């Protein structure tokens, strides 16, 4: 799958839906092991994660790649 095809599979999927699906799949501890960022390790919540990911493109890219790998 090319990067363009991967991004196309995210069309219509909100960042909140992506984070929620990853938390359901890995739980917070597992997600923090997959992507080492503080918003997943220290007092994690959907709201704090969304705030960070909307400001930090490299982290958002990693989250989207992980989501694509499990769908």
N, C-alpha and C. Protein backbone atom coordinates (compact mmCIF):
# COMPACT_ATOMS: atom_id res chain seq x y z
N UNK A 1 0.84 -1.17 0.00
CA UNK A 1 0.00 0.00 0.00
C UNK A 1 0.89 1.24 0.00
N UNK A 2 0.61 2.17 -0.89
CA UNK A 2 1.39 3.40 -0.95
C UNK A 2 0.95 4.37 0.14
N UNK A 3 1.77 5.38 0.37
CA UNK A 3 1.44 6.37 1.38
C UNK A 3 0.13 7.08 1.02
N UNK A 4 -0.08 7.34 -0.28
CA UNK A 4 -1.31 8.00 -0.71
C UNK A 4 -2.53 7.11 -0.44
N UNK A 5 -2.39 5.82 -0.69
CA UNK A 5 -3.49 4.89 -0.42
C UNK A 5 -3.77 4.82 1.08
N UNK A 6 -2.71 4.84 1.88
CA UNK A 6 -2.86 4.81 3.33
C UNK A 6 -3.62 6.03 3.82
N UNK A 7 -3.21 7.20 3.35
CA UNK A 7 -3.89 8.43 3.75
C UNK A 7 -5.34 8.43 3.28
N UNK A 8 -5.60 7.87 2.12
CA UNK A 8 -6.97 7.81 1.61
C UNK A 8 -7.85 6.97 2.52
N UNK A 9 -7.28 5.95 3.17
CA UNK A 9 -8.08 5.12 4.06
C UNK A 9 -8.46 5.86 5.33
N UNK A 10 -7.88 7.04 5.55
CA UNK A 10 -8.23 7.86 6.71
C UNK A 10 -9.32 8.88 6.40
N UNK A 11 -9.71 8.99 5.13
CA UNK A 11 -10.74 9.95 4.75
C UNK A 11 -12.02 9.71 5.55
N UNK A 12 -12.51 10.78 6.17
CA UNK A 12 -13.76 10.69 6.92
C UNK A 12 -13.60 10.15 8.33
N UNK A 13 -12.38 9.77 8.73
CA UNK A 13 -12.15 9.25 10.07
C UNK A 13 -11.56 10.37 10.92
N UNK A 14 -12.20 10.69 12.02
CA UNK A 14 -11.71 11.77 12.87
C UNK A 14 -10.52 11.30 13.69
N UNK A 15 -9.72 12.26 14.11
CA UNK A 15 -8.59 11.93 14.98
C UNK A 15 -9.08 11.31 16.28
N UNK A 16 -10.19 11.78 16.78
CA UNK A 16 -10.76 11.21 18.00
C UNK A 16 -11.13 9.74 17.80
N UNK A 17 -11.70 9.41 16.66
CA UNK A 17 -12.06 8.02 16.36
C UNK A 17 -10.81 7.16 16.27
N UNK A 18 -9.74 7.70 15.68
CA UNK A 18 -8.48 6.97 15.55
C UNK A 18 -7.90 6.67 16.92
N UNK A 19 -7.80 7.69 17.77
CA UNK A 19 -7.22 7.50 19.11
C UNK A 19 -8.08 6.54 19.93
N UNK A 20 -9.39 6.69 19.84
CA UNK A 20 -10.30 5.80 20.58
C UNK A 20 -10.12 4.35 20.16
N UNK A 21 -10.03 4.11 18.85
CA UNK A 21 -9.83 2.75 18.33
C UNK A 21 -8.50 2.17 18.82
N UNK A 22 -7.44 2.99 18.80
CA UNK A 22 -6.13 2.51 19.26
C UNK A 22 -6.15 2.19 20.75
N UNK A 23 -6.81 3.03 21.54
CA UNK A 23 -6.90 2.76 22.99
C UNK A 23 -7.70 1.49 23.24
N UNK A 24 -8.79 1.30 22.49
CA UNK A 24 -9.57 0.06 22.62
C UNK A 24 -8.73 -1.16 22.27
N UNK A 25 -7.88 -1.01 21.26
CA UNK A 25 -7.08 -2.13 20.77
C UNK A 25 -5.88 -2.43 21.67
N UNK A 26 -5.14 -1.40 22.06
CA UNK A 26 -3.88 -1.59 22.81
C UNK A 26 -3.97 -1.24 24.29
N UNK A 27 -4.99 -0.50 24.69
CA UNK A 27 -5.08 0.15 26.00
C UNK A 27 -3.96 1.18 26.10
N UNK A 28 -4.00 2.03 27.09
CA UNK A 28 -3.03 3.12 27.19
C UNK A 28 -1.60 2.62 27.31
N UNK A 29 -1.38 1.59 28.14
CA UNK A 29 -0.01 1.08 28.34
C UNK A 29 0.57 0.54 27.04
N UNK A 30 -0.20 -0.23 26.32
CA UNK A 30 0.27 -0.79 25.06
C UNK A 30 0.51 0.28 24.02
N UNK A 31 -0.35 1.28 24.01
CA UNK A 31 -0.20 2.39 23.06
C UNK A 31 1.07 3.18 23.38
N UNK A 32 1.35 3.39 24.65
CA UNK A 32 2.57 4.11 25.06
C UNK A 32 3.82 3.32 24.68
N UNK A 33 3.73 1.99 24.68
CA UNK A 33 4.87 1.18 24.26
C UNK A 33 5.08 1.27 22.75
N UNK A 34 4.00 1.34 22.00
CA UNK A 34 4.09 1.44 20.53
C UNK A 34 4.57 2.81 20.09
N UNK A 35 4.04 3.86 20.75
CA UNK A 35 4.39 5.24 20.41
C UNK A 35 4.76 5.94 21.71
N UNK A 36 6.04 6.21 21.88
CA UNK A 36 6.56 6.73 23.14
C UNK A 36 6.37 8.24 23.25
N UNK A 37 5.15 8.63 23.63
CA UNK A 37 4.88 10.05 23.86
C UNK A 37 4.16 10.20 25.21
N UNK A 38 4.45 11.29 25.89
CA UNK A 38 3.95 11.49 27.25
C UNK A 38 2.43 11.50 27.36
N UNK A 39 1.73 11.98 26.35
CA UNK A 39 0.27 12.04 26.48
C UNK A 39 -0.34 10.64 26.55
N UNK A 40 0.40 9.61 26.18
CA UNK A 40 -0.06 8.23 26.32
C UNK A 40 0.45 7.58 27.61
N UNK A 41 1.47 8.18 28.23
CA UNK A 41 2.11 7.57 29.41
C UNK A 41 1.69 8.21 30.72
N UNK A 42 1.59 9.54 30.74
CA UNK A 42 1.38 10.27 31.98
C UNK A 42 -0.05 10.79 32.06
N UNK A 43 -0.85 10.17 32.90
CA UNK A 43 -2.25 10.55 33.09
C UNK A 43 -2.99 10.68 31.75
N UNK A 44 -3.01 9.61 30.95
CA UNK A 44 -3.56 9.69 29.60
C UNK A 44 -5.07 9.90 29.56
N UNK A 45 -5.51 10.64 28.57
CA UNK A 45 -6.94 10.80 28.30
C UNK A 45 -7.08 11.09 26.80
N UNK A 46 -8.26 10.84 26.30
CA UNK A 46 -8.52 11.14 24.89
C UNK A 46 -8.33 12.64 24.66
N UNK A 47 -8.89 13.46 25.55
CA UNK A 47 -8.84 14.91 25.37
C UNK A 47 -7.40 15.43 25.34
N UNK A 48 -6.57 15.00 26.28
CA UNK A 48 -5.18 15.50 26.31
C UNK A 48 -4.40 14.99 25.10
N UNK A 49 -4.68 13.78 24.68
CA UNK A 49 -4.00 13.21 23.52
C UNK A 49 -4.36 13.98 22.25
N UNK A 50 -5.64 14.29 22.09
CA UNK A 50 -6.08 15.04 20.91
C UNK A 50 -5.44 16.41 20.87
N UNK A 51 -5.36 17.07 22.01
CA UNK A 51 -4.75 18.41 22.08
C UNK A 51 -3.30 18.35 21.61
N UNK A 52 -2.55 17.35 22.11
CA UNK A 52 -1.15 17.20 21.73
C UNK A 52 -1.01 16.83 20.25
N UNK A 53 -1.78 15.86 19.80
CA UNK A 53 -1.65 15.36 18.44
C UNK A 53 -2.05 16.40 17.39
N UNK A 54 -2.97 17.28 17.73
CA UNK A 54 -3.35 18.33 16.79
C UNK A 54 -2.24 19.36 16.61
N UNK A 55 -1.36 19.47 17.59
CA UNK A 55 -0.26 20.44 17.52
C UNK A 55 1.04 19.82 17.03
N UNK A 56 1.15 18.50 17.04
CA UNK A 56 2.43 17.84 16.82
C UNK A 56 2.30 16.86 15.65
N UNK A 57 2.70 17.32 14.47
CA UNK A 57 2.47 16.54 13.25
C UNK A 57 3.21 15.20 13.24
N UNK A 58 4.47 15.15 13.71
CA UNK A 58 5.20 13.88 13.68
C UNK A 58 4.51 12.83 14.53
N UNK A 59 3.96 13.23 15.67
CA UNK A 59 3.26 12.28 16.54
C UNK A 59 1.95 11.84 15.90
N UNK A 60 1.25 12.79 15.28
CA UNK A 60 0.01 12.45 14.59
C UNK A 60 0.27 11.46 13.46
N UNK A 61 1.36 11.67 12.72
CA UNK A 61 1.72 10.74 11.64
C UNK A 61 1.93 9.33 12.18
N UNK A 62 2.61 9.21 13.31
CA UNK A 62 2.84 7.89 13.91
C UNK A 62 1.53 7.23 14.33
N UNK A 63 0.63 8.02 14.91
CA UNK A 63 -0.67 7.51 15.34
C UNK A 63 -1.47 7.03 14.13
N UNK A 64 -1.47 7.82 13.07
CA UNK A 64 -2.20 7.43 11.86
C UNK A 64 -1.61 6.17 11.24
N UNK A 65 -0.29 6.07 11.20
CA UNK A 65 0.36 4.85 10.66
C UNK A 65 -0.03 3.62 11.48
N UNK A 66 -0.03 3.75 12.80
CA UNK A 66 -0.39 2.62 13.65
C UNK A 66 -1.85 2.24 13.43
N UNK A 67 -2.71 3.22 13.32
CA UNK A 67 -4.13 2.96 13.06
C UNK A 67 -4.31 2.21 11.75
N UNK A 68 -3.65 2.66 10.71
CA UNK A 68 -3.75 2.01 9.40
C UNK A 68 -3.28 0.56 9.49
N UNK A 69 -2.28 0.30 10.32
CA UNK A 69 -1.75 -1.07 10.43
C UNK A 69 -2.72 -2.04 11.09
N UNK A 70 -3.72 -1.53 11.84
CA UNK A 70 -4.65 -2.44 12.53
C UNK A 70 -6.03 -2.50 11.88
N UNK A 71 -6.27 -1.66 10.88
CA UNK A 71 -7.60 -1.71 10.26
C UNK A 71 -7.60 -2.68 9.09
